[in-house]
């Protein structure tokens, strides 16, 4: 269960761990209709930019994360970076709540659609047969490849 008392900020990135990997913190809503957010502390084995989706590595049982691969099962997705975390650094990523996700293509058809992972940690619309990979629901369209779209994120990893 996430802690509600937090002695730091979720945007702080370090080269050494300050919290146990997997440590979760819940932050209350900051504006009307935004809801609370749950953040999880991870070790970034690959660099994470704002909006990129992170997953557990194949042989990893702790919260060391890599960029999500295409159509990865939702249970392997740990969260979505909401700020840059350099390679081999430690920081918090958004596990659940309202946040930004990078679009994987130039389409602008994501509004009100379930999302799955696509190339290099980015996301796009779910199509038939990808139901097991849904990790977010977009609330708006992206404006092109690598653009950010606001989504309701719910990661199971």
Protein backbone atom coordinates (compact mmCIF):
# COMPACT_ATOMS: atom_id res chain seq x y z
CA UNK A 1 0.00 0.00 0.00
CA UNK A 2 1.41 3.42 -0.93
CA UNK A 3 2.45 5.87 1.75
CA UNK A 4 0.58 9.17 2.11
CA UNK A 5 3.42 10.90 3.98
CA UNK A 6 6.37 11.68 1.72
CA UNK A 7 9.69 13.33 2.65
CA UNK A 8 10.77 14.26 -0.91
CA UNK A 9 9.44 15.18 -4.37
CA UNK A 10 8.62 12.70 -7.14
CA UNK A 11 10.65 14.63 -9.72
CA UNK A 12 14.00 14.13 -7.90
CA UNK A 13 16.43 11.85 -9.77
CA UNK A 14 19.56 10.35 -8.18
CA UNK A 15 22.51 8.20 -9.22
CA UNK A 16 22.23 6.20 -5.98
CA UNK A 17 19.03 4.82 -4.47
CA UNK A 18 17.35 6.91 -1.75
CA UNK A 19 14.35 4.61 -1.29
CA UNK A 20 13.83 0.86 -1.64
CA UNK A 21 13.01 -0.14 -5.22
CA UNK A 22 9.26 -0.51 -5.55
CA UNK A 23 8.54 2.08 -2.83
CA UNK A 24 5.18 3.69 -3.60
CA UNK A 25 3.79 7.06 -2.65
CA UNK A 26 0.26 8.36 -3.20
CA UNK A 27 -0.18 12.06 -3.86
CA UNK A 28 -3.60 13.69 -3.46
CA UNK A 29 -5.36 15.49 -6.28
CA UNK A 30 -3.86 18.90 -7.05
CA UNK A 31 -6.77 20.27 -9.07
CA UNK A 32 -10.46 19.66 -9.57
CA UNK A 33 -11.21 16.36 -11.35
CA UNK A 34 -7.62 15.11 -11.47
CA UNK A 35 -7.76 12.37 -8.82
CA UNK A 36 -4.85 11.08 -6.80
CA UNK A 37 -1.63 9.67 -8.28
CA UNK A 38 0.46 6.66 -7.22
CA UNK A 39 4.19 6.88 -7.97
CA UNK A 40 6.68 3.98 -7.78
CA UNK A 41 10.45 4.23 -7.22
CA UNK A 42 12.54 2.49 -9.90
CA UNK A 43 16.05 1.98 -11.24
CA UNK A 44 16.16 3.02 -14.92
CA UNK A 45 18.32 0.50 -16.81
CA UNK A 46 17.46 2.52 -19.94
CA UNK A 47 17.01 6.30 -20.10
CA UNK A 48 13.39 7.39 -19.65
CA UNK A 49 12.04 10.61 -21.14
CA UNK A 50 8.76 12.29 -20.25
CA UNK A 51 5.83 10.12 -21.36
CA UNK A 52 7.77 6.91 -22.05
CA UNK A 53 6.36 3.63 -20.74
CA UNK A 54 8.61 1.46 -18.55
CA UNK A 55 8.43 -2.30 -18.03
CA UNK A 56 10.22 -4.94 -16.01
CA UNK A 57 13.15 -6.55 -17.81
CA UNK A 58 12.77 -10.24 -18.73
CA UNK A 59 14.75 -11.60 -15.78
CA UNK A 60 14.09 -8.80 -13.32
CA UNK A 61 12.05 -9.34 -10.18
CA UNK A 62 12.73 -5.94 -8.54
CA UNK A 63 11.77 -2.56 -9.99
CA UNK A 64 14.64 -2.15 -12.47
CA UNK A 65 12.97 -1.01 -15.68
CA UNK A 66 13.59 -0.80 -19.42
CA UNK A 67 11.56 0.82 -22.21
CA UNK A 68 8.37 -1.11 -22.88
CA UNK A 69 8.35 -3.25 -26.00
CA UNK A 70 5.54 -3.63 -28.54
CA UNK A 71 2.27 -5.00 -27.16
CA UNK A 72 3.80 -6.12 -23.86
CA UNK A 73 1.39 -7.65 -21.34
CA UNK A 74 0.03 -5.01 -18.93
CA UNK A 75 1.22 -7.00 -15.90
CA UNK A 76 4.85 -6.25 -16.93
CA UNK A 77 4.33 -2.48 -17.23
CA UNK A 78 5.55 -0.69 -14.10
CA UNK A 79 4.69 2.92 -14.95
CA UNK A 80 5.17 5.95 -17.17
CA UNK A 81 7.94 8.53 -16.76
CA UNK A 82 6.64 12.05 -16.15
CA UNK A 83 10.14 13.58 -16.26
CA UNK A 84 13.55 12.49 -17.53
CA UNK A 85 15.40 9.76 -15.63
CA UNK A 86 18.91 9.16 -17.01
CA UNK A 87 20.24 5.68 -17.69
CA UNK A 88 21.30 3.87 -14.49
CA UNK A 89 19.60 6.49 -12.32
CA UNK A 90 16.82 6.21 -9.75
CA UNK A 91 13.52 8.05 -9.62
CA UNK A 92 9.74 7.87 -9.44
CA UNK A 93 7.46 7.03 -12.36
CA UNK A 94 3.67 7.28 -12.43
CA UNK A 95 1.99 3.95 -11.69
CA UNK A 96 -1.61 5.18 -11.69
CA UNK A 97 -3.48 8.42 -12.11
CA UNK A 98 -3.74 11.19 -14.67
CA UNK A 99 -0.48 11.74 -16.59
CA UNK A 100 1.21 12.15 -19.96
CA UNK A 101 2.04 9.33 -22.41
CA UNK A 102 4.02 9.64 -25.67
CA UNK A 103 2.20 8.79 -28.91
CA UNK A 104 3.99 6.35 -31.23
CA UNK A 105 2.67 7.62 -34.54
CA UNK A 106 1.47 10.76 -36.29
CA UNK A 107 -2.20 9.80 -35.93
CA UNK A 108 -4.54 12.01 -33.97
CA UNK A 109 -7.16 9.35 -33.21
CA UNK A 110 -6.34 8.43 -29.61
CA UNK A 111 -9.01 10.38 -27.69
CA UNK A 112 -11.21 8.18 -25.50
CA UNK A 113 -9.40 5.02 -26.56
CA UNK A 114 -7.54 2.25 -24.67
CA UNK A 115 -3.78 2.35 -25.25
CA UNK A 116 -1.09 -0.34 -25.56
CA UNK A 117 2.67 -0.06 -25.95
CA UNK A 118 4.26 0.33 -29.35
CA UNK A 119 7.81 1.12 -30.46
CA UNK A 120 10.42 2.33 -27.93
CA UNK A 121 8.17 2.90 -24.92
CA UNK A 122 5.53 4.87 -26.79
CA UNK A 123 1.82 4.05 -27.04
CA UNK A 124 -0.98 3.81 -29.57
CA UNK A 125 -4.53 2.51 -29.92
CA UNK A 126 -5.39 -1.02 -28.93
CA UNK A 127 -6.51 -3.21 -31.82
CA UNK A 128 -8.15 -6.63 -31.71
CA UNK A 129 -6.04 -9.23 -29.93
CA UNK A 130 -4.14 -6.69 -27.79
CA UNK A 131 -6.58 -6.52 -24.89
CA UNK A 132 -4.04 -8.06 -22.44
CA UNK A 133 -1.69 -5.10 -23.10
CA UNK A 134 -3.98 -2.15 -22.19
CA UNK A 135 -2.29 0.05 -19.57
CA UNK A 136 -3.95 3.45 -20.11
CA UNK A 137 -6.99 5.23 -21.50
CA UNK A 138 -6.38 8.43 -23.45
CA UNK A 139 -8.42 11.52 -22.64
CA UNK A 140 -7.23 13.46 -25.71
CA UNK A 141 -5.60 13.08 -29.12
CA UNK A 142 -1.87 13.28 -29.60
CA UNK A 143 -0.68 15.88 -32.08
CA UNK A 144 1.83 13.66 -33.87
CA UNK A 145 4.62 11.14 -33.33
CA UNK A 146 6.29 11.50 -29.88
CA UNK A 147 3.69 14.08 -28.80
CA UNK A 148 2.27 13.85 -25.29
CA UNK A 149 -1.35 12.98 -24.64
CA UNK A 150 -3.10 13.13 -21.28
CA UNK A 151 -4.21 9.68 -20.16
CA UNK A 152 -5.62 7.82 -17.19
CA UNK A 153 -2.74 5.45 -16.41
CA UNK A 154 -3.19 2.15 -14.53
CA UNK A 155 -0.04 0.00 -14.50
CA UNK A 156 -0.08 -3.46 -12.94
CA UNK A 157 3.64 -4.26 -12.86
